[in-house]
């Protein structure tokens, strides 16, 4: 048994969408009292840090409706049911950037918002990308623009909040630490 475990007494499905499900769980707390938890179930996602031969990072600029603005982000997308994260990573890289790779390096996985969601994102890196011979059709409702920039330019983009999401900031931090370790 896990420390501070909350036992689910009942679960109510509030929303069953294309990507997420929302539940309200009535739970038994460790002290014997009950409470409610609003939970988002997500299939998980993958993000890729694609690096060009001239050491630029490939980002996508995309409008994010919950924020009512565009952000620069590393390419990413949700896992399809039964799909391995490495397959999703290559698929999303191809759909969003027009690049492909035959070599992925696993970086890490983390929960994006464990206070209310179970989304687990897997991050991969590749420095062996090349343009596709023929473009791959992405999602019909997804509009992106490719932006390539150096690590220094990307760090500046975090200062002015053009880059402002956790997975991309994590990726930049990872690259900065890797660079520091190589120079030691």
Protein backbone atom coordinates (compact mmCIF):
# COMPACT_ATOMS: atom_id res chain seq x y z
CA UNK A 1 0.00 0.00 0.00
CA UNK A 2 1.25 3.48 -0.82
CA UNK A 3 1.68 6.17 1.80
CA UNK A 4 -1.29 8.57 1.90
CA UNK A 5 -3.26 6.44 -0.59
CA UNK A 6 -6.75 7.65 -1.39
CA UNK A 7 -9.20 4.81 -2.09
CA UNK A 8 -11.74 5.51 -4.82
CA UNK A 9 -15.27 4.98 -3.52
CA UNK A 10 -17.10 6.00 -6.68
CA UNK A 11 -16.24 7.46 -10.07
CA UNK A 12 -18.44 9.65 -12.25
CA UNK A 13 -17.57 10.24 -15.92
CA UNK A 14 -18.14 13.94 -16.64
CA UNK A 15 -16.72 14.16 -20.15
CA UNK A 16 -15.54 11.59 -22.71
CA UNK A 17 -13.77 13.44 -25.51
CA UNK A 18 -11.54 12.74 -28.48
CA UNK A 19 -8.36 13.14 -26.42
CA UNK A 20 -9.26 13.24 -22.73
CA UNK A 21 -11.76 11.92 -20.24
CA UNK A 22 -12.76 13.87 -17.14
CA UNK A 23 -13.90 12.06 -14.00
CA UNK A 24 -14.92 13.11 -10.53
CA UNK A 25 -13.84 10.54 -7.97
CA UNK A 26 -15.18 10.35 -4.45
CA UNK A 27 -12.23 9.15 -2.36
CA UNK A 28 -11.56 7.89 1.14
CA UNK A 29 -8.71 9.92 2.63
CA UNK A 30 -6.00 8.44 4.88
CA UNK A 31 -7.73 9.99 7.92
CA UNK A 32 -11.03 8.20 7.10
CA UNK A 33 -12.84 11.28 5.77
CA UNK A 34 -14.10 11.59 2.19
CA UNK A 35 -13.32 14.14 -0.48
CA UNK A 36 -13.69 14.62 -4.24
CA UNK A 37 -11.00 14.68 -6.93
CA UNK A 38 -11.48 16.08 -10.45
CA UNK A 39 -9.26 14.01 -12.74
CA UNK A 40 -8.19 14.21 -16.37
CA UNK A 41 -7.25 10.94 -18.07
CA UNK A 42 -4.88 11.42 -21.02
CA UNK A 43 -3.33 8.74 -23.25
CA UNK A 44 0.17 10.20 -22.88
CA UNK A 45 2.38 12.06 -25.30
CA UNK A 46 5.80 12.23 -26.87
CA UNK A 47 8.05 15.20 -27.57
CA UNK A 48 11.17 15.33 -29.72
CA UNK A 49 14.23 17.56 -29.55
CA UNK A 50 15.29 17.66 -33.22
CA UNK A 51 18.72 19.14 -33.90
CA UNK A 52 19.90 20.03 -37.41
CA UNK A 53 23.40 19.37 -38.77
CA UNK A 54 24.29 23.02 -38.07
CA UNK A 55 23.22 22.55 -34.41
CA UNK A 56 19.93 24.45 -34.62
CA UNK A 57 16.88 23.18 -32.76
CA UNK A 58 13.71 22.71 -34.80
CA UNK A 59 10.63 24.21 -33.14
CA UNK A 60 7.03 24.50 -34.22
CA UNK A 61 5.02 27.65 -33.67
CA UNK A 62 1.45 26.77 -32.88
CA UNK A 63 -1.62 28.57 -31.57
CA UNK A 64 -2.70 27.25 -28.17
CA UNK A 65 -6.38 27.97 -27.56
CA UNK A 66 -6.29 27.60 -23.74
CA UNK A 67 -3.69 30.40 -23.66
CA UNK A 68 -5.20 32.41 -26.55
CA UNK A 69 -1.74 32.81 -28.09
CA UNK A 70 0.97 31.11 -30.11
CA UNK A 71 3.99 29.40 -28.59
CA UNK A 72 7.24 28.00 -29.91
CA UNK A 73 7.54 24.37 -28.83
CA UNK A 74 9.50 21.26 -29.60
CA UNK A 75 7.42 18.94 -31.82
CA UNK A 76 5.07 16.75 -29.81
CA UNK A 77 1.89 14.76 -29.99
CA UNK A 78 -0.30 12.26 -28.22
CA UNK A 79 0.25 8.53 -28.18
CA UNK A 80 -2.22 6.53 -30.22
CA UNK A 81 -3.68 3.48 -28.49
CA UNK A 82 -1.14 0.64 -28.54
CA UNK A 83 1.53 2.77 -30.22
CA UNK A 84 5.10 2.68 -28.88
CA UNK A 85 6.51 6.10 -27.91
CA UNK A 86 9.39 5.82 -30.42
CA UNK A 87 6.89 5.35 -33.27
CA UNK A 88 4.87 8.35 -32.08
CA UNK A 89 8.06 10.43 -31.88
CA UNK A 90 9.02 9.76 -35.50
CA UNK A 91 5.43 10.21 -36.71
CA UNK A 92 5.07 13.57 -34.96
CA UNK A 93 8.49 14.74 -36.18
CA UNK A 94 7.47 13.93 -39.76
CA UNK A 95 3.96 15.41 -39.55
CA UNK A 96 4.93 18.61 -37.77
CA UNK A 97 8.33 19.43 -39.28
CA UNK A 98 8.79 17.58 -42.56
CA UNK A 99 11.92 15.96 -41.14
CA UNK A 100 12.50 12.33 -40.24
CA UNK A 101 15.14 10.37 -38.37
CA UNK A 102 16.36 6.83 -37.95
CA UNK A 103 18.02 7.46 -34.60
CA UNK A 104 16.24 8.54 -31.41
CA UNK A 105 17.84 8.90 -28.00
CA UNK A 106 15.51 8.56 -25.02
CA UNK A 107 15.90 11.51 -22.62
CA UNK A 108 13.24 11.14 -19.90
CA UNK A 109 9.55 10.85 -19.11
CA UNK A 110 7.54 12.95 -16.67
CA UNK A 111 4.00 13.67 -15.56
CA UNK A 112 2.90 17.08 -16.78
CA UNK A 113 0.33 17.97 -14.10
CA UNK A 114 0.02 15.18 -11.51
CA UNK A 115 -2.29 17.21 -9.29
CA UNK A 116 -5.20 16.58 -11.65
CA UNK A 117 -4.00 14.68 -14.76
CA UNK A 118 -2.23 11.42 -15.54
CA UNK A 119 -0.57 12.61 -18.77
CA UNK A 120 2.91 11.11 -19.07
CA UNK A 121 5.16 12.70 -21.68
CA UNK A 122 8.21 10.92 -23.11
CA UNK A 123 11.03 13.08 -24.46
CA UNK A 124 13.45 11.95 -27.15
CA UNK A 125 16.31 13.70 -28.90
CA UNK A 126 17.78 13.27 -32.36
CA UNK A 127 20.69 15.03 -34.04
CA UNK A 128 20.31 12.94 -37.17
CA UNK A 129 17.39 14.51 -39.04
CA UNK A 130 16.86 14.85 -42.76
CA UNK A 131 14.00 16.21 -44.88
CA UNK A 132 11.33 13.80 -46.03
CA UNK A 133 11.22 13.10 -49.76
CA UNK A 134 7.43 13.57 -49.65
CA UNK A 135 5.55 15.49 -46.98
CA UNK A 136 3.33 13.61 -44.56
CA UNK A 137 -0.21 14.79 -43.86
CA UNK A 138 -0.63 15.99 -40.29
CA UNK A 139 -3.81 16.52 -38.32
CA UNK A 140 -6.49 18.46 -40.22
CA UNK A 141 -6.98 20.87 -37.32
CA UNK A 142 -3.29 21.53 -36.64
CA UNK A 143 -1.52 24.53 -38.12
CA UNK A 144 2.19 24.94 -37.44
CA UNK A 145 5.14 26.91 -38.72
CA UNK A 146 8.71 25.60 -38.48
CA UNK A 147 11.25 27.80 -36.68
CA UNK A 148 14.90 26.81 -36.37
CA UNK A 149 17.14 28.55 -33.85
CA UNK A 150 20.31 28.05 -31.86
CA UNK A 151 20.25 27.16 -28.19
CA UNK A 152 21.22 30.76 -27.34
CA UNK A 153 18.35 32.14 -29.44
CA UNK A 154 15.96 29.66 -27.83
CA UNK A 155 17.06 30.73 -24.34
CA UNK A 156 16.28 34.34 -25.32
CA UNK A 157 12.87 33.19 -26.55
CA UNK A 158 12.15 31.86 -23.05
CA UNK A 159 12.89 35.34 -21.65
CA UNK A 160 10.25 36.97 -23.83
CA UNK A 161 7.88 34.01 -23.27
CA UNK A 162 7.67 32.90 -26.91
CA UNK A 163 8.86 29.58 -25.44
CA UNK A 164 6.76 29.08 -22.32
CA UNK A 165 5.76 25.44 -21.91
CA UNK A 166 7.29 22.89 -19.55
CA UNK A 167 8.36 20.24 -22.07
CA UNK A 168 10.25 22.75 -24.23
CA UNK A 169 11.89 24.48 -21.29
CA UNK A 170 12.88 21.05 -19.96
CA UNK A 171 14.40 20.23 -23.37
CA UNK A 172 16.42 23.45 -23.41
CA UNK A 173 17.64 22.84 -19.87
CA UNK A 174 18.66 19.30 -20.86
CA UNK A 175 20.63 20.63 -23.86
CA UNK A 176 22.31 23.32 -21.74
CA UNK A 177 23.41 20.77 -19.13
CA UNK A 178 24.64 18.39 -21.87
CA UNK A 179 26.68 21.24 -23.39
CA UNK A 180 28.19 22.12 -20.00
CA UNK A 181 29.12 18.48 -19.39
CA UNK A 182 30.84 18.26 -22.78
CA UNK A 183 32.94 21.34 -22.06
CA UNK A 184 34.16 20.00 -18.70
